Protein backbone atom coordinates (compact mmCIF):
# COMPACT_ATOMS: atom_id res chain seq x y z
CA MET A 1 -1.36 5.81 82.54
CA GLU A 2 -3.10 2.51 83.07
CA ASN A 3 -6.06 4.33 84.56
CA LEU A 4 -6.30 6.27 81.31
CA LYS A 5 -6.30 3.04 79.27
CA HIS A 6 -9.03 1.51 81.41
CA SER A 7 -11.10 4.65 81.21
CA LEU A 8 -10.80 4.70 77.38
CA LYS A 9 -12.17 1.16 77.06
CA MET A 10 -15.74 1.13 76.15
CA PRO A 11 -17.43 -1.64 78.01
CA LEU A 12 -20.40 -1.27 75.75
CA PHE A 13 -18.55 -2.76 72.75
CA GLY A 14 -16.17 -5.10 74.51
CA ASN A 15 -12.55 -5.83 73.67
CA THR A 16 -12.99 -7.77 70.45
CA PHE A 17 -14.52 -6.86 67.13
CA SER A 18 -16.76 -9.55 65.67
CA PRO A 19 -18.87 -8.52 62.69
CA LYS A 20 -22.10 -10.29 61.82
CA LYS A 21 -21.90 -13.01 59.22
CA ALA A 22 -22.87 -11.91 55.72
CA PRO A 23 -26.09 -13.41 54.40
CA PRO A 24 -25.69 -15.96 51.59
CA ARG A 25 -25.65 -14.51 48.10
CA LYS A 26 -28.65 -14.68 45.86
CA SER A 27 -28.42 -16.41 42.48
CA ALA A 28 -26.09 -14.74 39.96
CA SER A 29 -28.84 -13.71 37.59
CA LEU A 30 -32.39 -12.79 38.41
CA SER A 31 -33.20 -12.82 34.70
CA SER A 32 -34.94 -15.78 33.12
CA LEU A 33 -33.32 -15.08 29.73
CA HIS A 34 -30.75 -17.81 30.22
CA THR A 35 -33.54 -20.39 30.30
CA LEU A 36 -34.89 -19.36 26.87
CA ASP A 37 -33.65 -21.08 23.74
CA ARG A 38 -31.88 -19.06 21.05
CA SER A 39 -34.82 -18.59 18.69
CA THR A 40 -37.06 -17.32 21.52
CA ARG A 41 -34.37 -14.88 22.69
CA GLU A 42 -33.99 -13.59 19.12
CA LEU A 43 -37.76 -13.17 18.85
CA GLU A 44 -38.15 -11.51 22.24
CA LEU A 45 -35.10 -9.26 22.14
CA GLY A 46 -34.59 -8.81 18.42
CA LEU A 47 -31.03 -10.05 18.62
CA GLU A 48 -29.49 -11.73 15.62
CA TYR A 49 -26.39 -13.70 16.41
CA GLY A 50 -24.15 -14.32 13.45
CA PRO A 51 -21.04 -16.44 13.14
CA PRO A 52 -17.94 -15.03 14.88
CA THR A 53 -15.86 -12.80 12.63
CA MET A 54 -12.42 -11.22 12.89
CA ASN A 55 -10.07 -9.11 10.82
CA ILE A 56 -6.44 -10.19 10.49
CA ALA A 57 -3.96 -8.22 8.39
CA GLY A 58 -6.75 -6.54 6.46
CA GLN A 59 -8.48 -9.81 5.59
CA SER A 60 -11.88 -10.59 7.08
CA TRP A 61 -12.52 -14.12 8.40
CA LYS A 62 -15.65 -15.78 9.78
CA PHE A 63 -16.17 -19.10 11.54
CA GLU A 64 -18.63 -21.38 9.77
CA ASP A 65 -19.15 -25.12 10.00
CA GLY A 66 -16.10 -25.57 12.23
CA GLN A 67 -13.67 -23.75 9.90
CA TRP A 68 -12.38 -20.20 9.48
CA ILE A 69 -13.35 -18.96 6.02
CA THR A 70 -12.39 -15.72 4.33
CA GLU A 71 -15.24 -13.31 3.66
CA SER A 72 -14.51 -13.56 -0.06
CA GLY A 73 -15.74 -17.15 0.20
CA GLY A 74 -12.49 -18.99 -0.47
CA ASN A 75 -11.06 -21.42 2.02
CA VAL A 76 -7.32 -20.68 2.07
CA SER A 77 -5.02 -23.30 3.54
CA ASN A 78 -2.01 -22.38 5.65
CA ARG A 79 0.35 -23.55 2.89
CA GLU A 80 -1.36 -21.39 0.26
CA LEU A 81 -1.30 -18.45 2.66
CA GLN A 82 2.47 -18.88 3.16
CA GLN A 83 3.01 -19.07 -0.60
CA LEU A 84 0.96 -15.91 -1.11
CA LYS A 85 2.91 -14.09 1.59
CA LYS A 86 6.19 -15.20 -0.01
CA ARG A 87 5.03 -14.04 -3.46
CA ASN A 88 3.85 -10.75 -1.96
CA GLY A 89 7.29 -10.21 -0.43
CA GLN A 90 8.96 -10.93 -3.79
CA LEU A 91 6.66 -8.48 -5.57
CA GLU A 92 7.33 -5.80 -2.95
CA GLU A 93 11.10 -6.27 -3.44
CA GLU A 94 10.70 -6.08 -7.22
CA ASN A 95 8.55 -2.97 -6.87
CA ASN A 96 11.17 -1.30 -4.66
CA LEU A 97 13.89 -2.19 -7.15
CA LEU A 98 11.87 -0.74 -10.03
CA LYS A 99 11.24 2.46 -8.06
CA LEU A 100 14.98 2.75 -7.47
CA LYS A 101 15.69 2.21 -11.17
CA ILE A 102 13.16 4.91 -12.12
CA GLU A 103 14.78 7.31 -9.67
CA ILE A 104 18.24 6.60 -11.14
CA LEU A 105 16.95 7.04 -14.69
CA LEU A 106 15.32 10.37 -13.76
CA ASP A 107 18.61 11.53 -12.21
CA MET A 108 20.47 10.51 -15.37
CA LEU A 109 17.90 12.30 -17.55
CA THR A 110 18.22 15.45 -15.44
CA GLU A 111 22.01 15.35 -15.65
CA THR A 112 21.91 14.84 -19.44
CA THR A 113 19.40 17.67 -19.85
CA VAL A 114 21.59 20.04 -17.83
CA GLU A 115 24.67 19.07 -19.84
CA ASN A 116 22.71 19.59 -23.07
CA HIS A 117 21.61 23.08 -21.95
CA LEU A 118 25.16 23.95 -20.95
CA MET A 119 26.48 22.79 -24.34
CA GLU A 120 23.80 24.77 -26.18
CA LYS A 121 24.73 27.84 -24.16
CA GLU A 122 28.41 27.30 -24.98
CA VAL A 123 27.57 27.02 -28.68
CA GLU A 124 25.52 30.24 -28.51
CA ASP A 125 28.35 32.01 -26.69
CA MET A 126 30.86 30.81 -29.26
CA LYS A 127 28.61 32.01 -32.10
CA THR A 128 28.23 35.44 -30.53
CA GLN A 129 31.99 35.70 -29.95
CA HIS A 130 32.71 34.60 -33.51
CA LEU A 131 30.26 37.19 -34.89
CA ARG A 132 31.89 39.94 -32.75
CA LYS A 133 35.34 39.10 -34.06
CA LYS A 134 34.23 39.56 -37.64
């Protein structure tokens, strides 16, 4: 068995594997764009960089002069935002209550209408019975 192992060794490669060292990496960017100032880049590439913008809960905000400003132009403080959210919650509750009241009133109207139709039918039936008895 040992003869087989010795015969399988390849003296050409040796016993150890030692790869060549990788050459040092080149610079990260071969482009010279990073050396250009903003106005030159905009001119050369036609890029227009605007202030950063984001959309939170359906309201659009942009960052200008070190502050986040709503797209509508107003600068809303955190306190005002909390008050508006609280008022919005109150109005939603009131709206839900009013919807419930409308639904109850419609049910009451339907019930009254049905009772009225039943009473009218009873009156008609009584009239027809009274006329038959005569």
